[in-house]
C-alpha atoms as a PDB file:
ATOM      1  CA  UNK A   1     125.813  65.080  70.260  1.00  0.00           C
ATOM      2  CA  UNK A   2     122.055  65.657  70.060  1.00  0.00           C
ATOM      3  CA  UNK A   3     119.584  67.492  67.835  1.00  0.00           C
ATOM      4  CA  UNK A   4     117.012  69.813  69.421  1.00  0.00           C
ATOM      5  CA  UNK A   5     114.231  72.026  68.063  1.00  0.00           C
ATOM      6  CA  UNK A   6     112.436  75.160  69.217  1.00  0.00           C
ATOM      7  CA  UNK A   7     110.480  77.471  66.892  1.00  0.00           C
ATOM      8  CA  UNK A   8     108.808  80.857  67.273  1.00  0.00           C
ATOM      9  CA  UNK A   9     111.309  82.558  69.556  1.00  0.00           C
ATOM     10  CA  UNK A  10     109.698  85.928  68.706  1.00  0.00           C
ATOM     11  CA  UNK A  11     112.647  87.895  70.073  1.00  0.00           C
ATOM     12  CA  UNK A  12     112.586  91.693  70.193  1.00  0.00           C
ATOM     13  CA  UNK A  13     115.877  92.944  71.639  1.00  0.00           C
ATOM     14  CA  UNK A  14     116.169  95.313  68.663  1.00  0.00           C
ATOM     15  CA  UNK A  15     112.552  96.485  68.872  1.00  0.00           C
ATOM     16  CA  UNK A  16     111.774  96.474  72.615  1.00  0.00           C
ATOM     17  CA  UNK A  17     108.238  97.806  72.102  1.00  0.00           C
ATOM     18  CA  UNK A  18     107.215  94.398  70.668  1.00  0.00           C
ATOM     19  CA  UNK A  19     106.642  92.446  73.861  1.00  0.00           C
ATOM     20  CA  UNK A  20     104.963  89.041  73.620  1.00  0.00           C
ATOM     21  CA  UNK A  21     103.155  89.221  76.950  1.00  0.00           C
ATOM     22  CA  UNK A  22     100.237  90.900  75.142  1.00  0.00           C
ATOM     23  CA  UNK A  23      99.396  87.312  74.141  1.00  0.00           C
ATOM     24  CA  UNK A  24      99.123  86.134  77.729  1.00  0.00           C
ATOM     25  CA  UNK A  25     100.994  85.900  80.996  1.00  0.00           C
ATOM     26  CA  UNK A  26     102.729  82.743  79.764  1.00  0.00           C
ATOM     27  CA  UNK A  27     104.842  84.892  77.429  1.00  0.00           C
ATOM     28  CA  UNK A  28     106.083  87.268  80.121  1.00  0.00           C
ATOM     29  CA  UNK A  29     109.921  87.304  80.177  1.00  0.00           C
ATOM     30  CA  UNK A  30     109.922  84.449  77.674  1.00  0.00           C
ATOM     31  CA  UNK A  31     113.525  85.058  76.438  1.00  0.00           C
ATOM     32  CA  UNK A  32     114.803  84.349  79.946  1.00  0.00           C
ATOM     33  CA  UNK A  33     112.709  81.157  80.056  1.00  0.00           C
ATOM     34  CA  UNK A  34     114.211  80.054  76.737  1.00  0.00           C
ATOM     35  CA  UNK A  35     117.756  80.877  77.859  1.00  0.00           C
ATOM     36  CA  UNK A  36     117.410  78.973  81.148  1.00  0.00           C
ATOM     37  CA  UNK A  37     115.916  75.860  79.530  1.00  0.00           C
ATOM     38  CA  UNK A  38     118.337  75.943  76.581  1.00  0.00           C
ATOM     39  CA  UNK A  39     121.468  76.247  78.700  1.00  0.00           C
ATOM     40  CA  UNK A  40     120.349  73.450  81.001  1.00  0.00           C
ATOM     41  CA  UNK A  41     119.890  70.987  78.113  1.00  0.00           C
ATOM     42  CA  UNK A  42     121.885  71.910  75.012  1.00  0.00           C
ATOM     43  CA  UNK A  43     125.640  71.333  74.879  1.00  0.00           C
ATOM     44  CA  UNK A  44     128.152  73.153  72.644  1.00  0.00           C
ATOM     45  CA  UNK A  45     128.375  70.028  70.448  1.00  0.00           C
ATOM     46  CA  UNK A  46     124.620  69.861  69.815  1.00  0.00           C
ATOM     47  CA  UNK A  47     122.464  71.165  66.955  1.00  0.00           C
ATOM     48  CA  UNK A  48     119.321  73.270  67.426  1.00  0.00           C
ATOM     49  CA  UNK A  49     116.690  73.760  64.705  1.00  0.00           C
ATOM     50  CA  UNK A  50     114.700  77.015  64.797  1.00  0.00           C
ATOM     51  CA  UNK A  51     111.758  76.766  62.393  1.00  0.00           C
ATOM     52  CA  UNK A  52     110.842  80.408  61.896  1.00  0.00           C
ATOM     53  CA  UNK A  53     109.495  83.542  63.562  1.00  0.00           C
ATOM     54  CA  UNK A  54     112.863  84.322  65.060  1.00  0.00           C
ATOM     55  CA  UNK A  55     112.828  88.108  65.387  1.00  0.00           C
ATOM     56  CA  UNK A  56     110.222  90.880  65.392  1.00  0.00           C
ATOM     57  CA  UNK A  57     112.678  93.204  63.673  1.00  0.00           C
ATOM     58  CA  UNK A  58     111.337  94.648  60.439  1.00  0.00           C
ATOM     59  CA  UNK A  59     114.804  95.440  59.101  1.00  0.00           C
ATOM     60  CA  UNK A  60     118.022  93.441  59.207  1.00  0.00           C
ATOM     61  CA  UNK A  61     119.751  95.805  61.634  1.00  0.00           C
ATOM     62  CA  UNK A  62     116.829  95.418  64.068  1.00  0.00           C
ATOM     63  CA  UNK A  63     117.230  91.627  64.023  1.00  0.00           C
ATOM     64  CA  UNK A  64     120.987  91.636  64.702  1.00  0.00           C
ATOM     65  CA  UNK A  65     120.634  91.892  68.530  1.00  0.00           C
ATOM     66  CA  UNK A  66     118.332  88.852  68.446  1.00  0.00           C
ATOM     67  CA  UNK A  67     120.735  86.856  66.285  1.00  0.00           C
ATOM     68  CA  UNK A  68     123.613  87.759  68.595  1.00  0.00           C
ATOM     69  CA  UNK A  69     121.519  86.612  71.577  1.00  0.00           C
ATOM     70  CA  UNK A  70     120.987  83.237  69.877  1.00  0.00           C
ATOM     71  CA  UNK A  71     124.700  83.102  69.022  1.00  0.00           C
ATOM     72  CA  UNK A  72     125.554  83.292  72.731  1.00  0.00           C
ATOM     73  CA  UNK A  73     123.547  80.131  73.483  1.00  0.00           C
ATOM     74  CA  UNK A  74     125.230  76.698  73.267  1.00  0.00           C
ATOM     75  CA  UNK A  75     125.239  74.673  70.077  1.00  0.00           C
ATOM     76  CA  UNK A  76     125.132  75.091  66.327  1.00  0.00           C
ATOM     77  CA  UNK A  77     121.838  76.578  65.132  1.00  0.00           C
ATOM     78  CA  UNK A  78     119.974  76.199  61.850  1.00  0.00           C
ATOM     79  CA  UNK A  79     117.338  78.841  61.080  1.00  0.00           C
ATOM     80  CA  UNK A  80     114.365  78.893  58.724  1.00  0.00           C
ATOM     81  CA  UNK A  81     112.327  81.953  57.789  1.00  0.00           C
ATOM     82  CA  UNK A  82     108.867  82.383  59.343  1.00  0.00           C
ATOM     83  CA  UNK A  83     105.953  84.542  58.238  1.00  0.00           C
ATOM     84  CA  UNK A  84     106.882  87.257  60.773  1.00  0.00           C
ATOM     85  CA  UNK A  85     110.576  87.382  59.851  1.00  0.00           C
ATOM     86  CA  UNK A  86     110.259  90.593  57.825  1.00  0.00           C
ATOM     87  CA  UNK A  87     113.970  91.321  58.361  1.00  0.00           C
ATOM     88  CA  UNK A  88     114.855  88.242  56.285  1.00  0.00           C
ATOM     89  CA  UNK A  89     114.904  89.566  52.716  1.00  0.00           C
ATOM     90  CA  UNK A  90     118.012  88.937  50.618  1.00  0.00           C
ATOM     91  CA  UNK A  91     119.575  85.620  51.614  1.00  0.00           C
ATOM     92  CA  UNK A  92     123.044  86.956  50.807  1.00  0.00           C
ATOM     93  CA  UNK A  93     122.568  89.918  53.146  1.00  0.00           C
ATOM     94  CA  UNK A  94     121.334  87.591  55.891  1.00  0.00           C
ATOM     95  CA  UNK A  95     124.305  85.252  55.516  1.00  0.00           C
ATOM     96  CA  UNK A  96     126.744  88.173  55.507  1.00  0.00           C
ATOM     97  CA  UNK A  97     125.715  89.260  59.019  1.00  0.00           C
ATOM     98  CA  UNK A  98     125.124  85.855  60.624  1.00  0.00           C
ATOM     99  CA  UNK A  99     127.150  85.128  63.762  1.00  0.00           C
ATOM    100  CA  UNK A 100     129.392  82.039  63.336  1.00  0.00           C
ATOM    101  CA  UNK A 101     127.210  79.449  65.094  1.00  0.00           C
ATOM    102  CA  UNK A 102     124.117  80.317  62.997  1.00  0.00           C
ATOM    103  CA  UNK A 103     123.214  78.844  59.610  1.00  0.00           C
ATOM    104  CA  UNK A 104     120.144  79.370  57.440  1.00  0.00           C
ATOM    105  CA  UNK A 105     118.175  77.269  54.978  1.00  0.00           C
ATOM    106  CA  UNK A 106     116.582  78.823  51.906  1.00  0.00           C
ATOM    107  CA  UNK A 107     116.157  76.731  48.755  1.00  0.00           C
ATOM    108  CA  UNK A 108     119.056  74.555  49.894  1.00  0.00           C
ATOM    109  CA  UNK A 109     120.028  72.150  52.681  1.00  0.00           C
ATOM    110  CA  UNK A 110     122.454  71.769  55.559  1.00  0.00           C
ATOM    111  CA  UNK A 111     124.556  68.704  56.451  1.00  0.00           C
ATOM    112  CA  UNK A 112     125.701  68.060  60.011  1.00  0.00           C
ATOM    113  CA  UNK A 113     127.258  64.879  61.447  1.00  0.00           C
ATOM    114  CA  UNK A 114     125.549  62.479  59.036  1.00  0.00           C
ATOM    115  CA  UNK A 115     122.218  64.326  59.318  1.00  0.00           C
ATOM    116  CA  UNK A 116     120.694  66.122  56.313  1.00  0.00           C
ATOM    117  CA  UNK A 117     118.396  69.074  57.036  1.00  0.00           C
ATOM    118  CA  UNK A 118     116.150  70.810  54.528  1.00  0.00           C
ATOM    119  CA  UNK A 119     112.984  72.826  54.551  1.00  0.00           C
ATOM    120  CA  UNK A 120     110.806  75.720  53.452  1.00  0.00           C
ATOM    121  CA  UNK A 121     108.458  78.151  55.165  1.00  0.00           C
ATOM    122  CA  UNK A 122     105.245  76.872  53.491  1.00  0.00           C
ATOM    123  CA  UNK A 123     101.992  78.842  53.844  1.00  0.00           C
ATOM    124  CA  UNK A 124      98.356  78.364  54.794  1.00  0.00           C
ATOM    125  CA  UNK A 125      97.041  75.197  53.161  1.00  0.00           C
ATOM    126  CA  UNK A 126      93.415  75.391  52.023  1.00  0.00           C
ATOM    127  CA  UNK A 127      92.929  71.726  52.996  1.00  0.00           C
ATOM    128  CA  UNK A 128      94.251  71.951  56.583  1.00  0.00           C
ATOM    129  CA  UNK A 129      92.324  73.514  59.461  1.00  0.00           C
ATOM    130  CA  UNK A 130      93.550  74.402  62.960  1.00  0.00           C
ATOM    131  CA  UNK A 131      90.818  76.633  64.383  1.00  0.00           C
ATOM    132  CA  UNK A 132      89.477  73.816  66.536  1.00  0.00           C
ATOM    133  CA  UNK A 133      92.726  73.357  68.463  1.00  0.00           C
ATOM    134  CA  UNK A 134      93.658  77.009  69.054  1.00  0.00           C
ATOM    135  CA  UNK A 135      92.445  79.214  71.893  1.00  0.00           C
ATOM    136  CA  UNK A 136      92.666  82.539  70.063  1.00  0.00           C
ATOM    137  CA  UNK A 137      93.918  85.490  72.123  1.00  0.00           C
ATOM    138  CA  UNK A 138      92.491  88.765  70.843  1.00  0.00           C
ATOM    139  CA  UNK A 139      94.742  91.802  71.216  1.00  0.00           C
ATOM    140  CA  UNK A 140      94.863  95.311  69.788  1.00  0.00           C
ATOM    141  CA  UNK A 141      97.767  94.349  67.522  1.00  0.00           C
ATOM    142  CA  UNK A 142      96.365  91.113  66.068  1.00  0.00           C
ATOM    143  CA  UNK A 143      93.011  90.550  64.439  1.00  0.00           C
ATOM    144  CA  UNK A 144      91.449  87.146  63.918  1.00  0.00           C
ATOM    145  CA  UNK A 145      91.017  86.609  60.191  1.00  0.00           C
ATOM    146  CA  UNK A 146      87.821  85.199  58.787  1.00  0.00           C
ATOM    147  CA  UNK A 147      87.532  83.358  55.508  1.00  0.00           C
ATOM    148  CA  UNK A 148      86.194  86.528  53.883  1.00  0.00           C
ATOM    149  CA  UNK A 149      89.355  88.412  54.880  1.00  0.00           C
ATOM    150  CA  UNK A 150      91.616  86.014  53.014  1.00  0.00           C
ATOM    151  CA  UNK A 151      92.412  86.128  49.323  1.00  0.00           C
ATOM    152  CA  UNK A 152      92.131  82.395  48.699  1.00  0.00           C
ATOM    153  CA  UNK A 153      93.557  82.605  45.184  1.00  0.00           C
ATOM    154  CA  UNK A 154      96.603  84.575  46.326  1.00  0.00           C
ATOM    155  CA  UNK A 155      97.198  82.237  49.274  1.00  0.00           C
ATOM    156  CA  UNK A 156      97.139  79.275  46.904  1.00  0.00           C
ATOM    157  CA  UNK A 157      99.753  80.921  44.657  1.00  0.00           C
ATOM    158  CA  UNK A 158     102.038  81.473  47.643  1.00  0.00           C
ATOM    159  CA  UNK A 159     101.512  77.892  48.824  1.00  0.00           C
ATOM    160  CA  UNK A 160     102.376  76.454  45.405  1.00  0.00           C
ATOM    161  CA  UNK A 161     105.531  78.577  45.285  1.00  0.00           C
ATOM    162  CA  UNK A 162     106.499  77.295  48.735  1.00  0.00           C
ATOM    163  CA  UNK A 163     105.971  73.707  47.590  1.00  0.00           C
ATOM    164  CA  UNK A 164     108.462  74.353  44.789  1.00  0.00           C
ATOM    165  CA  UNK A 165     110.932  75.752  47.299  1.00  0.00           C
ATOM    166  CA  UNK A 166     110.416  72.757  49.555  1.00  0.00           C
ATOM    167  CA  UNK A 167     111.112  70.308  46.762  1.00  0.00           C
ATOM    168  CA  UNK A 168     114.167  72.304  45.687  1.00  0.00           C
ATOM    169  CA  UNK A 169     115.532  71.870  49.210  1.00  0.00           C
ATOM    170  CA  UNK A 170     114.598  68.188  49.398  1.00  0.00           C
ATOM    171  CA  UNK A 171     116.427  67.456  46.152  1.00  0.00           C
ATOM    172  CA  UNK A 172     119.625  68.775  47.735  1.00  0.00           C
ATOM    173  CA  UNK A 173     119.551  66.562  50.820  1.00  0.00           C
ATOM    174  CA  UNK A 174     122.633  64.389  51.071  1.00  0.00           C
ATOM    175  CA  UNK A 175     121.463  60.917  49.928  1.00  0.00           C
ATOM    176  CA  UNK A 176     124.042  59.256  52.170  1.00  0.00           C
ATOM    177  CA  UNK A 177     122.701  60.893  55.325  1.00  0.00           C
ATOM    178  CA  UNK A 178     121.775  58.608  58.195  1.00  0.00           C
ATOM    179  CA  UNK A 179     118.782  60.800  59.051  1.00  0.00           C
ATOM    180  CA  UNK A 180     116.768  63.306  57.019  1.00  0.00           C
ATOM    181  CA  UNK A 181     115.058  66.116  58.912  1.00  0.00           C
ATOM    182  CA  UNK A 182     112.847  68.839  57.443  1.00  0.00           C
ATOM    183  CA  UNK A 183     111.929  72.187  58.965  1.00  0.00           C
ATOM    184  CA  UNK A 184     108.793  74.023  57.918  1.00  0.00           C
ATOM    185  CA  UNK A 185     107.254  77.029  59.618  1.00  0.00           C
ATOM    186  CA  UNK A 186     103.637  76.280  58.773  1.00  0.00           C
ATOM    187  CA  UNK A 187     102.412  72.786  59.724  1.00  0.00           C
ATOM    188  CA  UNK A 188     102.638  70.396  56.745  1.00  0.00           C
ATOM    189  CA  UNK A 189      99.887  68.132  58.143  1.00  0.00           C
ATOM    190  CA  UNK A 190      96.703  68.647  60.107  1.00  0.00           C
ATOM    191  CA  UNK A 191      96.533  68.199  63.898  1.00  0.00           C
ATOM    192  CA  UNK A 192      95.229  64.630  63.480  1.00  0.00           C
ATOM    193  CA  UNK A 193      97.830  63.959  60.774  1.00  0.00           C
ATOM    194  CA  UNK A 194      95.529  64.873  57.906  1.00  0.00           C
ATOM    195  CA  UNK A 195      97.705  64.685  54.752  1.00  0.00           C
ATOM    196  CA  UNK A 196      98.603  67.497  52.386  1.00  0.00           C
ATOM    197  CA  UNK A 197     100.538  68.191  49.231  1.00  0.00           C
ATOM    198  CA  UNK A 198     103.525  69.059  51.437  1.00  0.00           C
ATOM    199  CA  UNK A 199     103.383  65.786  53.364  1.00  0.00           C
ATOM    200  CA  UNK A 200     103.266  63.912  50.040  1.00  0.00           C
ATOM    201  CA  UNK A 201     106.599  65.517  49.135  1.00  0.00           C
ATOM    202  CA  UNK A 202     108.108  64.567  52.493  1.00  0.00           C
ATOM    203  CA  UNK A 203     107.061  60.958  51.909  1.00  0.00           C
ATOM    204  CA  UNK A 204     108.444  61.026  48.359  1.00  0.00           C
ATOM    205  CA  UNK A 205     111.881  62.013  49.661  1.00  0.00           C
ATOM    206  CA  UNK A 206     111.717  59.604  52.627  1.00  0.00           C
ATOM    207  CA  UNK A 207     112.031  62.173  55.388  1.00  0.00           C
ATOM    208  CA  UNK A 208     112.383  60.830  58.926  1.00  0.00           C
ATOM    209  CA  UNK A 209     111.263  63.836  60.980  1.00  0.00           C
ATOM    210  CA  UNK A 210     109.560  67.167  60.298  1.00  0.00           C
ATOM    211  CA  UNK A 211     109.570  70.007  62.844  1.00  0.00           C
ATOM    212  CA  UNK A 212     107.408  73.117  62.548  1.00  0.00           C
ATOM    213  CA  UNK A 213     105.779  75.911  64.539  1.00  0.00           C
ATOM    214  CA  UNK A 214     103.558  78.874  63.631  1.00  0.00           C
ATOM    215  CA  UNK A 215     100.422  77.934  65.594  1.00  0.00           C
ATOM    216  CA  UNK A 216     100.114  79.182  69.183  1.00  0.00           C
ATOM    217  CA  UNK A 217      97.821  78.869  72.187  1.00  0.00           C
ATOM    218  CA  UNK A 218      97.105  75.235  71.368  1.00  0.00           C
ATOM    219  CA  UNK A 219      94.443  73.975  73.743  1.00  0.00           C
ATOM    220  CA  UNK A 220      95.139  71.137  76.152  1.00  0.00           C
ATOM    221  CA  UNK A 221      94.295  67.589  75.075  1.00  0.00           C
ATOM    222  CA  UNK A 222      91.068  66.392  76.661  1.00  0.00           C
ATOM    223  CA  UNK A 223      90.902  63.038  78.452  1.00  0.00           C
ATOM    224  CA  UNK A 224      90.705  60.204  75.934  1.00  0.00           C
ATOM    225  CA  UNK A 225      91.667  62.369  72.945  1.00  0.00           C
ATOM    226  CA  UNK A 226      94.420  61.416  70.523  1.00  0.00           C
ATOM    227  CA  UNK A 227      97.400  63.800  70.895  1.00  0.00           C
ATOM    228  CA  UNK A 228      97.929  66.391  68.185  1.00  0.00           C
ATOM    229  CA  UNK A 229     100.387  65.475  65.420  1.00  0.00           C
ATOM    230  CA  UNK A 230     102.612  62.376  65.774  1.00  0.00           C
ATOM    231  CA  UNK A 231     103.874  59.739  63.308  1.00  0.00           C
ATOM    232  CA  UNK A 232     102.359  58.610  60.020  1.00  0.00           C
ATOM    233  CA  UNK A 233     103.751  56.879  56.917  1.00  0.00           C
ATOM    234  CA  UNK A 234     107.226  56.708  58.428  1.00  0.00           C
ATOM    235  CA  UNK A 235     107.512  60.414  59.299  1.00  0.00           C
ATOM    236  CA  UNK A 236     107.383  61.961  62.768  1.00  0.00           C
ATOM    237  CA  UNK A 237     105.686  65.372  62.849  1.00  0.00           C
ATOM    238  CA  UNK A 238     106.625  67.569  65.821  1.00  0.00           C
ATOM    239  CA  UNK A 239     105.066  70.904  66.721  1.00  0.00           C
ATOM    240  CA  UNK A 240     107.889  72.950  68.234  1.00  0.00           C
ATOM    241  CA  UNK A 241     106.281  76.362  68.828  1.00  0.00           C
ATOM    242  CA  UNK A 242     107.972  77.812  71.912  1.00  0.00           C
ATOM    243  CA  UNK A 243     104.824  78.378  73.974  1.00  0.00           C
ATOM    244  CA  UNK A 244     103.606  74.824  73.241  1.00  0.00           C
ATOM    245  CA  UNK A 245     106.907  73.438  74.569  1.00  0.00           C
ATOM    246  CA  UNK A 246     106.910  75.787  77.570  1.00  0.00           C
ATOM    247  CA  UNK A 247     109.906  77.551  75.961  1.00  0.00           C
ATOM    248  CA  UNK A 248     112.034  74.406  76.285  1.00  0.00           C
ATOM    249  CA  UNK A 249     113.911  72.850  73.326  1.00  0.00           C
ATOM    250  CA  UNK A 250     112.678  69.359  72.491  1.00  0.00           C
ATOM    251  CA  UNK A 251     115.227  66.643  71.755  1.00  0.00           C
ATOM    252  CA  UNK A 252     114.787  65.004  68.336  1.00  0.00           C
ATOM    253  CA  UNK A 253     117.890  62.812  68.246  1.00  0.00           C
END
């Protein structure tokens, strides 16, 4: 049995007008790329962590075809809400329609084969910056935000609320677990492992691994550069955005 991770599936079977290839040729037919890679690696006894941005559906019924598509793939899956998961509103409504192999985390945790899994979406952190590692793709449906476009005070309120949700989840991790894994959608550290208030919480609760997504079109590492993310203070930080991993689940354990 193994644990895998792949975030930012950005599926749109329920809203077929939302195709991801507007963000570049790499995204063309990306669900088929995910399916092929997933089925070649993940077994029915494995666990797969999906750290947000699962479906483009705006309403729950529009996300159901995407959830059923994930259900048909091998393994048990644990899902976390991303910033584009507008369909994910009431947690009770979400759990009522989940196919049997799917589980969700929201202000709680999940325990699987001696592994404790927690997490929270997080939000933009005023102290972390990613512009320098992203090749932004401008399209008609997405605008690049500038600092003047953002309500810094409101973003900070959301971030603080997400920190509370993260700690609520961390408190519920099984203390007897052999491994503790956290999912966040937004990165909890900077690309060169710059610390944050979120990473301080992960260290406080002695987390082993944190997987996250959210950022796309990450530029290639130049010769001699230190790779983005990695391990610091006993925690391994893994960026698992689908396009970064070439739509292939990465094995964690």
